[in-house]
Amino acid sequence: MAGKAKPIGKLKNAPATAPGQTLGYSLQFTRLTAMLLDAQEGNWCSLEVLDDVAKQSEDGMTTVSQSKSALTDNPVADRAISLWKTLFNWLELVKSGFVEPRNTRFELYVSRPVKGAFIDSFHKSHTYDEAKAAIGEVRNQLWGTAPEFTKRAALPDGLSRYVNPVLKADDNLLLPIIVNLQLKCGSGSPQSDIEAAIRRHPVSESKVFDIADKLCGWVKREADKRLEKELPAIISRDEFHREYTSYVRRVDRDLILKSLAKKPSETEKLERLPDNFVRQLDLIEHSFDQKLEAISDFLQACWDRAMWSKTGDIHDDSFTELNDNLERTWQNLSRVTSIEAGSKPETQRGQLLYAKCMMHTARIQGMEPPPHFIPGCFHGLADDLTVGWHPDYQALVKKPTSESS
């Protein structure tokens, strides 16, 4: 009879496997996802193009990042080959002209907190004088004092292969790298760090893991798709953000839409006084301040609609559905107002209808918009005379005719 199968978790690693090395490769996709989460509009992030991962912005700034998994060892220890190989690779990157060091951030990312005297001194060097002093101290410790450099010959071959080219490099090449070098340490769990970054965004706690899982999978898939076509694995932050936003909207329905509109200036508001929706308020004898408030709601709603559409927060079809909802609401409230206040003067009936519409609430894709939005959308419908407040608004408000050319 066959023996009882051993649980997978109990098995020892086969001699040819390397879980630590596998984690190192896998970490690059996680770091690419993290970099896309932090990237700004217009940025591009890449995998194994300029470095393990990299970010480039439209203004010419670049971040190149070496990622180290560091399960047990310290990859930034003073004599760690990985530290010096990173510096060597960055030096070659600069020599080859792939990056301009003064416009580049050189990031050494380690998945858990680590320290080292050399890397700490580099990280703290923010001027060329500080960088030169840090490199000088490192030379003294690894090579010995100049000009003899008696310790240099004693360096192990694997270490000297990278240390020596770095320490003898021209200051014009090396010092900008040191000045712009940053050590970035994770918590020990890159996946948990992704989830922590998502928690800083307005999403429900219960959805964080699902969203992180989706984003990491999407980034891996998009990178693979490009590599399969023999294209560099470069991903647009804007495309990533659209995917992120649309997925959040789908799985996290309890979000409140955040307004992206700025408050209009007094000049901007005064310019809209001739508009149809403001003239409609004249018909029901609203005050000047009430008209300015309506203009503010209208302008902010217009801006939010444009920005939510551009960022992918709201699909354009949802705005059409909202307009239909508001028009039906207006029709129903018009009938109710005619019944409730049929004997009142037309101006008062218009005021009542307007007040009822301004108190109406509606959601967009299941989300609650900011307070100015629904009133502002009503004003948009009033501007093209789809809705109105005075019973005879169609006859009393005339659309402005275009001037003859």
Protein backbone atom coordinates (compact mmCIF):
# COMPACT_ATOMS: atom_id res chain seq x y z
CA MET A 1 0.00 0.00 0.00
CA ALA A 2 1.32 3.43 -0.88
CA GLY A 3 2.71 5.51 1.96
CA LYS A 4 0.81 8.44 3.38
CA ALA A 5 1.46 11.68 1.48
CA LYS A 6 3.40 14.33 3.39
CA PRO A 7 1.89 17.80 3.67
CA ILE A 8 3.50 20.18 1.21
CA GLY A 9 4.34 22.61 3.99
CA LYS A 10 6.45 19.99 5.76
CA LEU A 11 8.67 19.16 2.79
CA LYS A 12 12.24 20.39 2.70
CA ASN A 13 13.39 22.36 -0.31
CA ALA A 14 14.83 20.28 -3.10
CA PRO A 15 18.55 20.94 -3.75
CA ALA A 16 17.95 22.77 -7.05
CA THR A 17 15.34 25.21 -5.72
CA ALA A 18 15.97 28.73 -4.45
CA PRO A 19 12.99 30.25 -2.61
CA GLY A 20 14.95 33.35 -1.63
CA GLN A 21 15.96 34.01 -5.24
CA THR A 22 12.38 33.42 -6.41
CA LEU A 23 11.13 35.94 -3.85
CA GLY A 24 13.64 38.44 -5.21
CA TYR A 25 12.24 38.12 -8.75
CA SER A 26 8.65 38.20 -7.50
CA LEU A 27 9.38 41.29 -5.41
CA GLN A 28 10.03 43.32 -8.54
CA PHE A 29 6.39 43.02 -9.63
CA THR A 30 5.24 44.01 -6.14
CA ARG A 31 7.56 47.02 -6.15
CA LEU A 32 6.29 47.99 -9.59
CA THR A 33 2.74 47.96 -8.21
CA ALA A 34 3.81 50.04 -5.19
CA MET A 35 5.59 52.52 -7.45
CA LEU A 36 2.48 52.88 -9.63
CA LEU A 37 0.39 53.54 -6.51
CA ASP A 38 2.71 56.41 -5.54
CA ALA A 39 3.27 57.75 -9.06
CA GLN A 40 1.88 61.07 -10.23
CA GLU A 41 -0.27 61.79 -13.26
CA GLY A 42 1.69 61.41 -16.50
CA ASN A 43 4.37 59.13 -14.99
CA TRP A 44 5.54 55.88 -16.57
CA CYS A 45 6.85 52.94 -14.53
CA SER A 46 8.92 50.06 -15.86
CA LEU A 47 10.32 46.66 -14.98
CA GLU A 48 13.86 45.67 -15.99
CA VAL A 49 14.25 48.59 -18.37
CA LEU A 50 16.52 51.09 -16.61
CA ASP A 51 16.73 49.07 -13.39
CA ASP A 52 14.79 46.46 -11.41
CA VAL A 53 11.98 49.01 -11.45
CA ALA A 54 12.00 52.64 -12.53
CA LYS A 55 9.73 55.67 -12.80
CA GLN A 56 9.93 58.50 -15.31
CA SER A 57 7.95 61.73 -15.26
CA GLU A 58 7.09 64.23 -17.95
CA ASP A 59 9.40 66.85 -16.43
CA GLY A 60 12.46 64.63 -16.97
CA MET A 61 12.84 63.34 -13.41
CA THR A 62 13.68 59.64 -13.11
CA THR A 63 13.73 57.17 -10.23
CA VAL A 64 15.73 53.97 -10.62
CA SER A 65 15.21 51.39 -7.91
CA GLN A 66 17.10 48.25 -6.95
CA SER A 67 14.88 45.89 -4.92
CA LYS A 68 16.27 43.45 -2.36
CA SER A 69 14.15 40.79 -0.65
CA ALA A 70 16.53 40.18 2.29
CA LEU A 71 14.97 37.10 3.88
CA THR A 72 17.89 36.62 6.28
CA ASP A 73 21.03 38.50 5.22
CA ASN A 74 21.61 42.26 5.16
CA PRO A 75 22.03 43.37 1.53
CA VAL A 76 23.27 46.83 2.57
CA ALA A 77 25.94 45.74 5.03
CA ASP A 78 29.25 47.56 4.56
CA ARG A 79 30.87 44.62 2.80
CA ALA A 80 27.76 43.19 1.17
CA ILE A 81 28.40 42.45 -2.49
CA SER A 82 24.80 43.39 -3.28
CA LEU A 83 25.39 46.96 -2.02
CA TRP A 84 28.48 47.49 -4.10
CA LYS A 85 27.05 45.76 -7.15
CA THR A 86 24.11 48.19 -6.97
CA LEU A 87 26.45 51.21 -6.86
CA PHE A 88 28.50 49.71 -9.70
CA ASN A 89 25.39 49.19 -11.84
CA TRP A 90 24.22 52.76 -11.23
CA LEU A 91 27.65 54.05 -12.16
CA GLU A 92 27.51 52.11 -15.44
CA LEU A 93 24.02 53.47 -16.06
CA VAL A 94 25.34 57.02 -15.73
CA LYS A 95 28.45 56.33 -17.82
CA SER A 96 26.31 54.91 -20.62
CA GLY A 97 24.12 58.02 -20.63
CA PHE A 98 20.87 56.23 -19.82
CA VAL A 99 20.18 58.63 -16.95
CA GLU A 100 21.28 62.11 -15.98
CA PRO A 101 22.37 61.70 -12.32
CA ARG A 102 21.35 65.20 -11.27
CA ASN A 103 17.79 64.49 -12.41
CA THR A 104 17.66 60.97 -11.03
CA ARG A 105 16.71 59.49 -7.68
CA PHE A 106 18.71 56.34 -6.94
CA GLU A 107 16.59 54.20 -4.64
CA LEU A 108 17.81 51.09 -2.86
CA TYR A 109 14.73 49.28 -1.59
CA VAL A 110 14.97 46.49 0.98
CA SER A 111 11.85 44.59 1.98
CA ARG A 112 12.60 44.80 5.72
CA PRO A 113 14.33 47.34 7.99
CA VAL A 114 18.13 47.13 7.64
CA LYS A 115 21.10 49.35 8.43
CA GLY A 116 24.72 49.77 7.49
CA ALA A 117 27.31 52.40 8.34
CA PHE A 118 28.25 53.05 4.70
CA ILE A 119 24.73 53.15 3.29
CA ASP A 120 23.56 55.34 6.18
CA SER A 121 26.31 57.87 5.47
CA PHE A 122 25.38 57.87 1.76
CA HIS A 123 21.68 58.25 2.55
CA LYS A 124 22.39 61.26 4.77
CA SER A 125 24.61 63.01 2.20
CA HIS A 126 22.55 65.81 0.68
CA THR A 127 25.38 67.98 -0.66
CA TYR A 128 28.45 67.26 -2.77
CA ASP A 129 30.75 68.08 0.14
CA GLU A 130 28.92 65.60 2.37
CA ALA A 131 29.02 62.95 -0.36
CA LYS A 132 32.73 63.49 -0.94
CA ALA A 133 33.43 63.17 2.78
CA ALA A 134 31.36 59.97 2.99
CA ILE A 135 33.19 58.40 0.04
CA GLY A 136 36.54 59.47 1.53
CA GLU A 137 35.75 57.73 4.82
CA VAL A 138 34.68 54.57 3.00
CA ARG A 139 37.94 54.57 1.01
CA ASN A 140 39.92 54.82 4.25
CA GLN A 141 38.11 51.84 5.73
CA LEU A 142 38.17 49.57 2.68
CA TRP A 143 41.38 50.64 0.96
CA GLY A 144 43.36 52.25 3.74
CA THR A 145 44.80 55.74 3.70
CA ALA A 146 46.08 57.34 0.49
CA PRO A 147 48.30 57.08 -1.38
CA GLU A 148 49.38 53.56 -0.28
CA PHE A 149 45.88 52.07 0.07
CA THR A 150 47.39 49.08 1.85
CA LYS A 151 44.02 47.37 2.48
CA ARG A 152 42.98 47.38 -1.14
CA ALA A 153 44.80 44.19 -2.14
CA ALA A 154 43.22 42.29 0.75
CA LEU A 155 39.66 42.74 -0.47
CA PRO A 156 38.04 39.45 -1.56
CA ASP A 157 37.79 39.02 -5.31
CA GLY A 158 33.98 39.00 -5.36
CA LEU A 159 33.84 42.27 -3.41
CA SER A 160 36.75 44.05 -5.09
CA ARG A 161 35.16 43.48 -8.50
CA TYR A 162 32.55 46.11 -7.57
CA VAL A 163 34.21 48.16 -4.80
CA ASN A 164 37.28 49.17 -6.74
CA PRO A 165 35.53 50.62 -9.84
CA VAL A 166 33.16 52.58 -7.58
CA LEU A 167 35.82 54.03 -5.28
CA LYS A 168 38.11 55.07 -8.12
CA ALA A 169 35.30 56.60 -10.20
CA ASP A 170 35.43 60.25 -11.20
CA ASP A 171 33.72 62.51 -8.66
CA ASN A 172 31.61 64.07 -11.42
CA LEU A 173 30.00 60.67 -11.99
CA LEU A 174 29.93 59.23 -8.47
CA LEU A 175 29.03 62.17 -6.23
CA PRO A 176 25.67 62.97 -7.91
CA ILE A 177 24.67 59.34 -7.36
CA ILE A 178 25.52 59.54 -3.65
CA VAL A 179 23.71 62.87 -3.21
CA ASN A 180 20.55 61.48 -4.83
CA LEU A 181 20.73 58.05 -3.19
CA GLN A 182 17.91 56.94 -0.88
CA LEU A 183 17.62 53.82 1.25
CA LYS A 184 13.98 52.75 1.46
CA CYS A 185 13.00 49.93 3.81
CA GLY A 186 9.75 48.03 3.87
CA SER A 187 8.00 46.56 6.87
CA GLY A 188 9.15 43.02 6.17
CA SER A 189 6.08 42.16 4.09
CA PRO A 190 5.86 43.92 0.70
CA GLN A 191 2.31 42.68 0.26
CA SER A 192 1.28 44.21 3.59
CA ASP A 193 2.93 47.45 2.50
CA ILE A 194 0.77 47.47 -0.65
CA GLU A 195 -2.32 47.02 1.52
CA ALA A 196 -1.17 49.84 3.82
CA ALA A 197 -0.82 52.17 0.81
CA ILE A 198 -4.35 51.32 -0.33
CA ARG A 199 -5.68 51.99 3.18
CA ARG A 200 -4.52 55.58 2.82
CA HIS A 201 -7.09 55.93 0.02
CA PRO A 202 -10.85 56.25 0.57
CA VAL A 203 -11.73 52.54 0.37
CA SER A 204 -13.49 50.25 2.82
CA GLU A 205 -11.23 48.19 5.07
CA SER A 206 -13.05 45.00 4.08
CA LYS A 207 -12.10 45.55 0.42
CA VAL A 208 -8.39 46.29 0.86
CA PHE A 209 -7.12 42.73 0.34
CA ASP A 210 -9.33 42.21 -2.71
CA ILE A 211 -8.17 45.48 -4.28
CA ALA A 212 -4.48 44.72 -3.55
CA ASP A 213 -4.88 41.26 -5.08
CA LYS A 214 -6.49 42.77 -8.19
CA LEU A 215 -3.83 45.45 -8.66
CA CYS A 216 -0.87 43.10 -8.22
CA GLY A 217 -2.42 40.65 -10.68
CA TRP A 218 -3.19 43.38 -13.20
CA VAL A 219 0.36 44.76 -13.10
CA LYS A 220 1.86 41.27 -13.52
CA ARG A 221 -0.46 40.52 -16.44
CA GLU A 222 0.19 43.84 -18.20
CA ALA A 223 3.96 43.42 -17.82
CA ASP A 224 3.78 39.85 -19.14
CA LYS A 225 1.66 40.91 -22.12
CA ARG A 226 4.29 43.45 -23.17
CA LEU A 227 7.19 41.06 -22.63
CA GLU A 228 5.43 38.37 -24.70
CA LYS A 229 5.39 40.87 -27.58
CA GLU A 230 9.11 41.57 -27.04
CA LEU A 231 8.26 45.07 -25.83
CA PRO A 232 9.71 46.72 -22.72
CA ALA A 233 7.57 46.24 -19.61
CA ILE A 234 6.47 49.87 -19.28
CA ILE A 235 3.11 50.74 -17.69
CA SER A 236 1.37 54.10 -17.67
CA ARG A 237 0.43 55.38 -14.24
CA ASP A 238 -2.71 56.91 -15.76
CA GLU A 239 -3.82 53.58 -17.22
CA PHE A 240 -3.10 51.89 -13.88
CA HIS A 241 -5.06 54.57 -12.04
CA ARG A 242 -8.07 54.14 -14.32
CA GLU A 243 -8.04 50.39 -13.71
CA TYR A 244 -7.65 50.96 -9.96
CA THR A 245 -10.43 53.52 -9.82
CA SER A 246 -12.92 51.57 -11.93
CA TYR A 247 -12.32 48.39 -9.92
CA VAL A 248 -12.81 50.21 -6.62
CA ARG A 249 -16.05 51.65 -7.93
CA ARG A 250 -17.20 48.15 -8.83
CA VAL A 251 -16.38 46.37 -5.57
CA ASP A 252 -16.67 49.19 -3.04
CA ARG A 253 -20.10 50.70 -3.50
CA ASP A 254 -20.19 52.67 -0.27
CA LEU A 255 -17.80 55.41 -1.33
CA ILE A 256 -18.72 59.06 -1.28
CA LEU A 257 -17.66 60.84 -4.45
CA LYS A 258 -15.03 63.44 -3.71
CA SER A 259 -15.43 66.79 -5.41
CA LEU A 260 -12.56 67.79 -7.67
CA ALA A 261 -13.96 71.26 -8.34
CA LYS A 262 -12.43 74.49 -7.14
CA LYS A 263 -14.59 77.22 -5.68
CA PRO A 264 -15.37 79.72 -8.46
CA SER A 265 -14.19 83.27 -8.03
CA GLU A 266 -16.55 86.24 -7.80
CA THR A 267 -15.55 87.24 -11.33
CA GLU A 268 -16.34 83.78 -12.67
CA LYS A 269 -19.73 83.85 -11.00
CA LEU A 270 -20.62 87.33 -12.23
CA GLU A 271 -19.84 86.28 -15.81
CA ARG A 272 -22.69 83.74 -15.66
CA LEU A 273 -25.44 86.18 -14.66
CA PRO A 274 -26.83 86.36 -18.25
CA ASP A 275 -27.15 82.53 -18.48
CA ASN A 276 -30.58 80.98 -18.90
CA PHE A 277 -30.57 79.16 -15.57
CA VAL A 278 -29.88 82.45 -13.74
CA ARG A 279 -32.59 84.26 -15.72
CA GLN A 280 -34.96 81.51 -14.62
CA LEU A 281 -34.23 82.47 -11.02
CA ASP A 282 -35.10 86.07 -11.86
CA LEU A 283 -38.56 84.84 -12.91
CA ILE A 284 -39.24 83.48 -9.43
CA GLU A 285 -37.76 86.58 -7.77
CA HIS A 286 -34.71 85.00 -6.13
CA SER A 287 -32.20 87.28 -4.44
CA PHE A 288 -28.82 88.19 -5.86
CA ASP A 289 -27.05 86.04 -3.24
CA GLN A 290 -29.26 83.07 -4.10
CA LYS A 291 -28.33 83.47 -7.74
CA LEU A 292 -24.61 83.55 -6.91
CA GLU A 293 -25.02 80.36 -4.86
CA ALA A 294 -26.77 78.70 -7.80
CA ILE A 295 -23.98 79.77 -10.15
CA SER A 296 -21.40 78.32 -7.77
CA ASP A 297 -23.25 74.99 -7.65
CA PHE A 298 -23.58 74.94 -11.44
CA LEU A 299 -19.89 75.66 -12.11
CA GLN A 300 -18.65 73.13 -9.56
CA ALA A 301 -21.01 70.45 -10.89
CA CYS A 302 -19.79 71.08 -14.46
CA TRP A 303 -16.18 70.78 -13.34
CA ASP A 304 -16.85 67.60 -11.34
CA ARG A 305 -18.64 65.96 -14.26
CA ALA A 306 -15.71 66.69 -16.56
CA MET A 307 -13.07 65.51 -14.09
CA TRP A 308 -14.92 62.36 -12.97
CA SER A 309 -15.34 61.41 -16.61
CA LYS A 310 -11.67 62.07 -17.37
CA THR A 311 -10.38 60.10 -14.38
CA GLY A 312 -12.75 57.19 -14.94
CA ASP A 313 -14.57 57.71 -11.64
CA ILE A 314 -17.92 57.87 -13.42
CA HIS A 315 -18.91 56.41 -16.78
CA ASP A 316 -20.48 58.88 -19.21
CA ASP A 317 -23.61 56.74 -19.45
CA SER A 318 -24.20 57.31 -15.74
CA PHE A 319 -24.45 61.08 -16.31
CA THR A 320 -27.09 60.48 -18.98
CA GLU A 321 -29.01 58.25 -16.57
CA LEU A 322 -28.74 60.95 -13.88
CA ASN A 323 -30.14 63.62 -16.21
CA ASP A 324 -33.05 61.34 -17.08
CA ASN A 325 -33.66 60.78 -13.36
CA LEU A 326 -33.63 64.50 -12.62
CA GLU A 327 -35.96 65.31 -15.53
CA ARG A 328 -38.47 62.68 -14.37
CA THR A 329 -38.19 64.00 -10.82
CA TRP A 330 -38.88 67.55 -12.05
CA GLN A 331 -41.94 66.37 -14.01
CA ASN A 332 -43.37 64.59 -10.97
CA LEU A 333 -42.65 67.49 -8.62
CA SER A 334 -44.21 69.90 -11.13
CA ARG A 335 -47.45 67.94 -10.98
CA VAL A 336 -47.34 67.78 -7.18
CA THR A 337 -46.70 71.52 -6.97
CA SER A 338 -49.60 72.30 -9.31
CA ILE A 339 -51.91 70.30 -7.04
CA GLU A 340 -50.56 71.63 -3.74
CA ALA A 341 -50.19 75.27 -4.75
CA GLY A 342 -52.44 75.66 -7.79
CA SER A 343 -54.19 78.68 -6.28
CA LYS A 344 -50.98 80.51 -5.42
CA PRO A 345 -49.29 83.11 -7.64
CA GLU A 346 -47.05 81.68 -10.38
CA THR A 347 -43.94 83.13 -8.77
CA GLN A 348 -44.62 81.32 -5.48
CA ARG A 349 -45.41 78.08 -7.31
CA GLY A 350 -42.06 78.39 -9.03
CA GLN A 351 -40.29 79.01 -5.74
CA LEU A 352 -41.91 75.90 -4.24
CA LEU A 353 -40.97 73.71 -7.21
CA TYR A 354 -37.43 75.04 -7.14
CA ALA A 355 -37.09 74.32 -3.40
CA LYS A 356 -38.38 70.78 -3.82
CA CYS A 357 -35.91 70.07 -6.64
CA MET A 358 -33.00 71.55 -4.68
CA MET A 359 -33.77 69.12 -1.82
CA HIS A 360 -33.80 66.11 -4.13
CA THR A 361 -30.99 63.56 -3.58
CA ALA A 362 -29.64 61.01 -6.04
CA ARG A 363 -26.70 58.62 -6.26
CA ILE A 364 -24.38 58.05 -9.18
CA GLN A 365 -23.21 54.48 -9.72
CA GLY A 366 -24.35 53.85 -6.15
CA MET A 367 -22.24 56.69 -4.76
CA GLU A 368 -23.27 59.85 -2.96
CA PRO A 369 -22.12 63.04 -4.71
CA PRO A 370 -21.09 66.25 -2.88
CA PRO A 371 -23.94 68.60 -1.79
CA HIS A 372 -23.52 71.05 -4.68
CA PHE A 373 -23.72 68.43 -7.41
CA ILE A 374 -27.43 67.58 -7.78
CA PRO A 375 -28.51 71.27 -7.54
CA GLY A 376 -25.80 72.12 -10.06
CA CYS A 377 -27.09 69.42 -12.45
CA PHE A 378 -30.63 70.79 -12.14
CA HIS A 379 -29.24 74.20 -13.11
CA GLY A 380 -27.58 72.58 -16.13
CA LEU A 381 -30.96 71.24 -17.25
CA ALA A 382 -32.53 74.64 -16.55
CA ASP A 383 -29.86 76.32 -18.67
CA ASP A 384 -30.96 74.47 -21.81
CA LEU A 385 -34.63 74.86 -20.77
CA THR A 386 -35.20 71.13 -20.27
CA VAL A 387 -36.61 72.04 -16.86
CA GLY A 388 -37.85 75.30 -15.38
CA TRP A 389 -39.36 76.82 -12.27
CA HIS A 390 -41.92 79.41 -13.36
CA PRO A 391 -44.97 77.74 -14.96
CA ASP A 392 -44.42 79.80 -18.15
CA TYR A 393 -40.61 79.63 -18.19
CA GLN A 394 -40.47 78.45 -21.83
CA ALA A 395 -42.25 81.59 -23.03
CA LEU A 396 -40.56 84.00 -20.63
CA VAL A 397 -36.93 82.89 -21.12
CA LYS A 398 -35.56 83.41 -24.56
CA LYS A 399 -32.33 81.69 -25.57
CA PRO A 400 -29.69 84.27 -26.54
CA THR A 401 -29.24 84.40 -30.30
CA SER A 402 -25.76 84.21 -31.75
CA GLU A 403 -24.42 87.42 -33.14
CA SER A 404 -24.22 87.64 -36.87
CA SER A 405 -20.72 87.28 -38.16
